[in-house]
Amino acid sequence: MFRYLRVMVLAAAVMLIAQAQAFAGAQDFVLVNNTGSTIYNLYCSSANSNNWEEDLLGDTGTLAPGEYATIRFNSGENSQYWDLRLVFDNGVDIYWENVDLLSVSQITVNSDGTANFK
């Protein structure tokens, strides 16, 4: 009886992991705020778009200095190159064009406005 229960729990765990991976986008990345300012907005738009998409930090989301956030994309998203725009608490914004999010898993934003892409 316990062996059967253990097998069922293991099977359920494997299904949950597989389902979570199915919904993960290949463009997912971790954004690290290595600046002295709070990031209020993060806009990511496909490089072939003429408009900024929605704020990925949401209406109430912010990223304080030293914090990080995992930015997730829909698993059906197929764009490779993205334009990124950050807006800080002091109104300053910085952006990068044509970032290959299929080869980047972490973006660290530095206080001088540069970024490290890993």
C-alpha atoms as a PDB file:
ATOM      1  CA  MET A   1       0.000   0.000   0.000  1.00  0.00           C
ATOM      2  CA  PHE A   2       2.715   2.477   0.960  1.00  0.00           C
ATOM      3  CA  ARG A   3       4.762   1.519  -2.080  1.00  0.00           C
ATOM      4  CA  TYR A   4       1.781   2.268  -4.340  1.00  0.00           C
ATOM      5  CA  LEU A   5       1.234   5.619  -2.626  1.00  0.00           C
ATOM      6  CA  ARG A   6       4.911   6.511  -2.977  1.00  0.00           C
ATOM      7  CA  VAL A   7       4.834   5.690  -6.701  1.00  0.00           C
ATOM      8  CA  MET A   8       1.722   7.845  -7.176  1.00  0.00           C
ATOM      9  CA  VAL A   9       3.286  10.805  -5.359  1.00  0.00           C
ATOM     10  CA  LEU A  10       6.460  10.486  -7.425  1.00  0.00           C
ATOM     11  CA  ALA A  11       4.442  10.329 -10.660  1.00  0.00           C
ATOM     12  CA  ALA A  12       2.488  13.443  -9.664  1.00  0.00           C
ATOM     13  CA  ALA A  13       5.701  15.323  -8.881  1.00  0.00           C
ATOM     14  CA  VAL A  14       7.193  14.422 -12.271  1.00  0.00           C
ATOM     15  CA  MET A  15       4.027  15.631 -14.018  1.00  0.00           C
ATOM     16  CA  LEU A  16       4.115  18.953 -12.148  1.00  0.00           C
ATOM     17  CA  ILE A  17       7.751  19.550 -13.051  1.00  0.00           C
ATOM     18  CA  ALA A  18       7.109  18.726 -16.704  1.00  0.00           C
ATOM     19  CA  GLN A  19       4.081  21.029 -16.752  1.00  0.00           C
ATOM     20  CA  ALA A  20       6.052  23.924 -15.222  1.00  0.00           C
ATOM     21  CA  GLN A  21       8.776  23.503 -17.834  1.00  0.00           C
ATOM     22  CA  ALA A  22       6.179  23.437 -20.615  1.00  0.00           C
ATOM     23  CA  PHE A  23       4.955  26.890 -19.588  1.00  0.00           C
ATOM     24  CA  ALA A  24       8.436  28.402 -19.264  1.00  0.00           C
ATOM     25  CA  GLY A  25       9.560  30.571 -22.131  1.00  0.00           C
ATOM     26  CA  ALA A  26      12.965  30.142 -23.711  1.00  0.00           C
ATOM     27  CA  GLN A  27      13.478  33.898 -23.226  1.00  0.00           C
ATOM     28  CA  ASP A  28      13.111  33.802 -19.417  1.00  0.00           C
ATOM     29  CA  PHE A  29      15.872  35.658 -17.560  1.00  0.00           C
ATOM     30  CA  VAL A  30      16.805  36.991 -14.136  1.00  0.00           C
ATOM     31  CA  LEU A  31      17.026  40.775 -13.817  1.00  0.00           C
ATOM     32  CA  VAL A  32      19.457  41.945 -11.124  1.00  0.00           C
ATOM     33  CA  ASN A  33      19.331  45.552  -9.905  1.00  0.00           C
ATOM     34  CA  ASN A  34      22.941  46.488  -9.114  1.00  0.00           C
ATOM     35  CA  THR A  35      22.170  50.218  -9.123  1.00  0.00           C
ATOM     36  CA  GLY A  36      21.472  52.640  -6.312  1.00  0.00           C
ATOM     37  CA  SER A  37      17.942  53.321  -7.564  1.00  0.00           C
ATOM     38  CA  THR A  38      14.675  51.437  -7.599  1.00  0.00           C
ATOM     39  CA  ILE A  39      13.483  50.113 -10.954  1.00  0.00           C
ATOM     40  CA  TYR A  40       9.810  50.992 -11.408  1.00  0.00           C
ATOM     41  CA  ASN A  41       9.141  49.636 -14.879  1.00  0.00           C
ATOM     42  CA  LEU A  42      10.553  46.992 -17.195  1.00  0.00           C
ATOM     43  CA  TYR A  43       9.326  46.963 -20.764  1.00  0.00           C
ATOM     44  CA  CYS A  44      10.301  44.164 -23.145  1.00  0.00           C
ATOM     45  CA  SER A  45       9.220  44.314 -26.753  1.00  0.00           C
ATOM     46  CA  SER A  46      10.114  42.097 -29.645  1.00  0.00           C
ATOM     47  CA  ALA A  47      12.818  43.874 -31.642  1.00  0.00           C
ATOM     48  CA  ASN A  48      10.542  43.987 -34.684  1.00  0.00           C
ATOM     49  CA  SER A  49       7.807  45.845 -32.757  1.00  0.00           C
ATOM     50  CA  ASN A  50       7.310  49.606 -32.964  1.00  0.00           C
ATOM     51  CA  ASN A  51       5.726  49.879 -29.505  1.00  0.00           C
ATOM     52  CA  TRP A  52       6.744  49.078 -25.946  1.00  0.00           C
ATOM     53  CA  GLU A  53       4.719  46.196 -24.549  1.00  0.00           C
ATOM     54  CA  GLU A  54       3.262  46.027 -21.034  1.00  0.00           C
ATOM     55  CA  ASP A  55       5.299  46.657 -17.887  1.00  0.00           C
ATOM     56  CA  LEU A  56       6.606  43.241 -16.830  1.00  0.00           C
ATOM     57  CA  LEU A  57       7.035  44.358 -13.220  1.00  0.00           C
ATOM     58  CA  GLY A  58       3.293  45.033 -13.087  1.00  0.00           C
ATOM     59  CA  ASP A  59       1.282  47.850 -11.565  1.00  0.00           C
ATOM     60  CA  THR A  60       2.710  47.460  -8.076  1.00  0.00           C
ATOM     61  CA  GLY A  61       6.019  45.732  -8.785  1.00  0.00           C
ATOM     62  CA  THR A  62       9.334  47.435  -8.233  1.00  0.00           C
ATOM     63  CA  LEU A  63      12.886  46.192  -7.970  1.00  0.00           C
ATOM     64  CA  ALA A  64      14.883  47.847  -5.184  1.00  0.00           C
ATOM     65  CA  PRO A  65      18.684  48.133  -5.266  1.00  0.00           C
ATOM     66  CA  GLY A  66      20.250  44.714  -4.669  1.00  0.00           C
ATOM     67  CA  GLU A  67      17.065  42.800  -5.517  1.00  0.00           C
ATOM     68  CA  TYR A  68      16.433  40.501  -8.453  1.00  0.00           C
ATOM     69  CA  ALA A  69      13.386  39.170 -10.259  1.00  0.00           C
ATOM     70  CA  THR A  70      12.788  36.304 -12.649  1.00  0.00           C
ATOM     71  CA  ILE A  71      11.177  37.595 -15.823  1.00  0.00           C
ATOM     72  CA  ARG A  72       9.057  34.929 -17.463  1.00  0.00           C
ATOM     73  CA  PHE A  73       7.759  34.690 -21.009  1.00  0.00           C
ATOM     74  CA  ASN A  74       4.932  32.643 -22.447  1.00  0.00           C
ATOM     75  CA  SER A  75       6.146  29.282 -23.736  1.00  0.00           C
ATOM     76  CA  GLY A  76       4.592  30.068 -27.131  1.00  0.00           C
ATOM     77  CA  GLU A  77       6.750  33.157 -27.602  1.00  0.00           C
ATOM     78  CA  ASN A  78       9.207  32.643 -30.446  1.00  0.00           C
ATOM     79  CA  SER A  79      11.024  35.987 -30.819  1.00  0.00           C
ATOM     80  CA  GLN A  80      14.756  35.797 -30.269  1.00  0.00           C
ATOM     81  CA  TYR A  81      15.727  39.492 -30.192  1.00  0.00           C
ATOM     82  CA  TRP A  82      14.172  41.947 -27.751  1.00  0.00           C
ATOM     83  CA  ASP A  83      14.380  45.621 -26.872  1.00  0.00           C
ATOM     84  CA  LEU A  84      14.469  46.268 -23.114  1.00  0.00           C
ATOM     85  CA  ARG A  85      13.649  49.518 -21.342  1.00  0.00           C
ATOM     86  CA  LEU A  86      14.029  50.216 -17.620  1.00  0.00           C
ATOM     87  CA  VAL A  87      12.489  53.219 -15.849  1.00  0.00           C
ATOM     88  CA  PHE A  88      13.922  54.213 -12.464  1.00  0.00           C
ATOM     89  CA  ASP A  89      12.385  55.999  -9.476  1.00  0.00           C
ATOM     90  CA  ASN A  90      14.060  59.281 -10.499  1.00  0.00           C
ATOM     91  CA  GLY A  91      12.453  59.165 -13.962  1.00  0.00           C
ATOM     92  CA  VAL A  92      15.641  58.197 -15.784  1.00  0.00           C
ATOM     93  CA  ASP A  93      15.229  55.423 -18.310  1.00  0.00           C
ATOM     94  CA  ILE A  94      17.769  53.269 -20.099  1.00  0.00           C
ATOM     95  CA  TYR A  95      17.300  50.783 -22.883  1.00  0.00           C
ATOM     96  CA  TRP A  96      19.064  48.177 -24.946  1.00  0.00           C
ATOM     97  CA  GLU A  97      18.125  47.057 -28.431  1.00  0.00           C
ATOM     98  CA  ASN A  98      18.295  43.632 -30.058  1.00  0.00           C
ATOM     99  CA  VAL A  99      19.159  41.638 -26.941  1.00  0.00           C
ATOM    100  CA  ASP A 100      19.286  37.929 -27.778  1.00  0.00           C
ATOM    101  CA  LEU A 101      17.173  36.538 -24.940  1.00  0.00           C
ATOM    102  CA  LEU A 102      17.637  32.980 -26.197  1.00  0.00           C
ATOM    103  CA  SER A 103      21.297  33.180 -25.155  1.00  0.00           C
ATOM    104  CA  VAL A 104      20.914  35.347 -22.027  1.00  0.00           C
ATOM    105  CA  SER A 105      19.813  33.973 -18.660  1.00  0.00           C
ATOM    106  CA  GLN A 106      20.772  36.907 -16.425  1.00  0.00           C
ATOM    107  CA  ILE A 107      20.937  40.667 -16.916  1.00  0.00           C
ATOM    108  CA  THR A 108      22.668  42.701 -14.211  1.00  0.00           C
ATOM    109  CA  VAL A 109      22.052  46.446 -14.444  1.00  0.00           C
ATOM    110  CA  ASN A 110      24.900  48.558 -13.074  1.00  0.00           C
ATOM    111  CA  SER A 111      24.819  52.032 -11.548  1.00  0.00           C
ATOM    112  CA  ASP A 112      26.626  53.551 -14.546  1.00  0.00           C
ATOM    113  CA  GLY A 113      23.782  52.511 -16.891  1.00  0.00           C
ATOM    114  CA  THR A 114      25.593  49.537 -18.355  1.00  0.00           C
ATOM    115  CA  ALA A 115      24.488  45.944 -18.091  1.00  0.00           C
ATOM    116  CA  ASN A 116      26.191  42.566 -17.921  1.00  0.00           C
ATOM    117  CA  PHE A 117      24.503  39.909 -20.012  1.00  0.00           C
ATOM    118  CA  LYS A 118      25.207  36.270 -19.030  1.00  0.00           C
END
